[in-house]
Protein backbone atom coordinates (compact mmCIF):
# COMPACT_ATOMS: atom_id res chain seq x y z
CA MET A 1 -32.93 30.27 60.66
CA SER A 2 -35.16 27.98 62.67
CA ALA A 3 -38.92 27.66 62.45
CA GLU A 4 -39.34 29.76 65.61
CA ASP A 5 -37.55 32.74 64.02
CA VAL A 6 -39.98 33.06 61.10
CA LEU A 7 -41.98 36.24 61.56
CA TYR A 8 -44.33 35.91 58.61
CA LYS A 9 -46.17 32.96 57.19
CA ARG A 10 -46.90 32.82 53.48
CA GLU A 11 -50.62 32.54 52.82
CA ARG A 12 -52.14 32.25 49.38
CA VAL A 13 -55.30 34.34 49.13
CA PHE A 14 -56.24 33.49 45.55
CA SER A 15 -56.65 29.97 44.18
CA VAL A 16 -54.34 28.39 41.62
CA VAL A 17 -56.96 28.81 38.87
CA ILE A 18 -57.27 32.55 39.50
CA ARG A 19 -53.49 32.99 39.56
CA VAL A 20 -53.09 31.05 36.30
CA CYS A 21 -55.88 33.10 34.70
CA HIS A 22 -54.13 36.27 35.85
CA TRP A 23 -50.83 35.34 34.20
CA LEU A 24 -52.54 34.08 31.05
CA ARG A 25 -54.38 37.40 30.76
CA ALA A 26 -51.11 39.28 31.27
CA LEU A 27 -49.48 37.18 28.53
CA ALA A 28 -52.42 37.72 26.18
CA ILE A 29 -52.47 41.49 26.75
CA THR A 30 -48.71 41.74 26.18
CA ALA A 31 -48.96 39.67 23.00
CA LEU A 32 -51.90 41.77 21.78
CA VAL A 33 -49.93 44.96 22.32
CA VAL A 34 -46.83 43.65 20.53
CA THR A 35 -48.75 42.17 17.59
CA GLY A 36 -50.98 45.24 17.40
CA PHE A 37 -47.96 47.51 17.07
CA TYR A 38 -46.56 45.21 14.40
CA ILE A 39 -49.86 45.24 12.47
CA ALA A 40 -49.85 49.05 12.63
CA TRP A 41 -46.21 49.25 11.42
CA PRO A 42 -44.94 46.02 9.82
CA PHE A 43 -41.19 46.42 10.17
CA LEU A 44 -40.16 42.84 9.29
CA VAL A 45 -41.25 43.00 5.65
CA ALA A 46 -39.74 45.36 3.07
CA PRO A 47 -42.29 47.86 1.66
CA ASP A 48 -42.11 46.53 -1.94
CA SER A 49 -41.91 42.87 -0.95
CA THR A 50 -44.47 40.29 -2.02
CA ASN A 51 -43.88 38.25 1.13
CA VAL A 52 -47.07 38.92 3.02
CA LEU A 53 -47.07 35.66 4.97
CA VAL A 54 -45.29 37.22 7.95
CA ASN A 55 -47.99 39.84 8.33
CA GLY A 56 -50.66 37.13 7.97
CA TRP A 57 -49.12 35.03 10.73
CA ILE A 58 -48.87 38.07 13.00
CA ARG A 59 -52.53 38.88 12.38
CA PHE A 60 -53.43 35.24 13.08
CA ALA A 61 -51.51 35.34 16.37
CA HIS A 62 -53.25 38.61 17.22
CA GLU A 63 -56.66 37.02 16.71
CA VAL A 64 -55.72 33.89 18.67
CA PHE A 65 -54.54 35.95 21.64
CA GLY A 66 -57.66 38.11 21.37
CA PHE A 67 -59.94 35.09 21.54
CA ALA A 68 -57.84 33.66 24.37
CA LEU A 69 -58.29 36.90 26.32
CA VAL A 70 -62.06 36.75 25.77
CA ALA A 71 -62.17 33.09 26.89
CA ILE A 72 -60.09 33.77 30.00
CA THR A 73 -62.27 36.76 30.87
CA MET A 74 -65.39 34.62 30.50
CA ALA A 75 -63.83 32.00 32.79
CA ARG A 76 -63.08 34.70 35.38
CA VAL A 77 -66.68 35.97 35.20
CA TYR A 78 -67.89 32.40 35.75
CA LEU A 79 -65.55 32.01 38.72
CA PHE A 80 -66.75 35.34 40.12
CA PHE A 81 -70.32 34.07 40.35
CA PHE A 82 -69.90 30.34 40.94
CA SER A 83 -66.63 29.88 42.85
CA ARG A 84 -66.70 28.46 46.35
CA SER A 85 -64.30 31.17 47.47
CA ASN A 86 -65.69 34.66 47.96
CA VAL A 87 -62.35 36.49 47.61
CA GLU A 88 -63.33 38.01 44.27
CA ARG A 89 -66.71 39.18 45.52
CA ARG A 90 -65.11 40.73 48.61
CA SER A 91 -62.60 42.60 46.45
CA ILE A 92 -65.47 44.26 44.53
CA SER A 93 -66.94 45.60 47.74
CA ASP A 94 -63.51 46.96 48.70
CA ALA A 95 -63.13 48.66 45.32
CA LEU A 96 -66.49 50.39 45.73
CA SER A 97 -65.90 51.45 49.34
CA THR A 98 -65.03 55.12 49.89
CA LYS A 99 -63.32 54.28 53.18
CA SER A 100 -61.06 51.79 51.41
CA TRP A 101 -60.13 54.39 48.74
CA ILE A 102 -59.26 57.02 51.35
CA GLN A 103 -57.17 54.50 53.30
CA GLN A 104 -55.29 53.51 50.14
CA ILE A 105 -54.61 57.12 49.11
CA LYS A 106 -53.33 57.91 52.61
CA ALA A 107 -50.96 54.94 52.35
CA TYR A 108 -49.44 56.41 49.17
CA LEU A 109 -49.03 59.91 50.62
């Protein structure tokens, strides 16, 4: 396929920092869910076992991922207000627009 046959051109709307923050948040949320389920029902340790280090390490990982999620969210809030790009601010106006909601619902129907 030659360059003349390409119908679409790939264009990145969001910056590298925002994309990395997105995937780090997804990783943190997934890790929080998995470790949270383990904390609720610790299946790796026998009920009468004295080995509580596994549960301690899982709780530690849970806290680390929780703090990471808070830090990433704070970075995204900072980027929302002080970034040179206004993509994030434009997306808020789209989310609050009734016309945009109706157009999106029509697209799904």
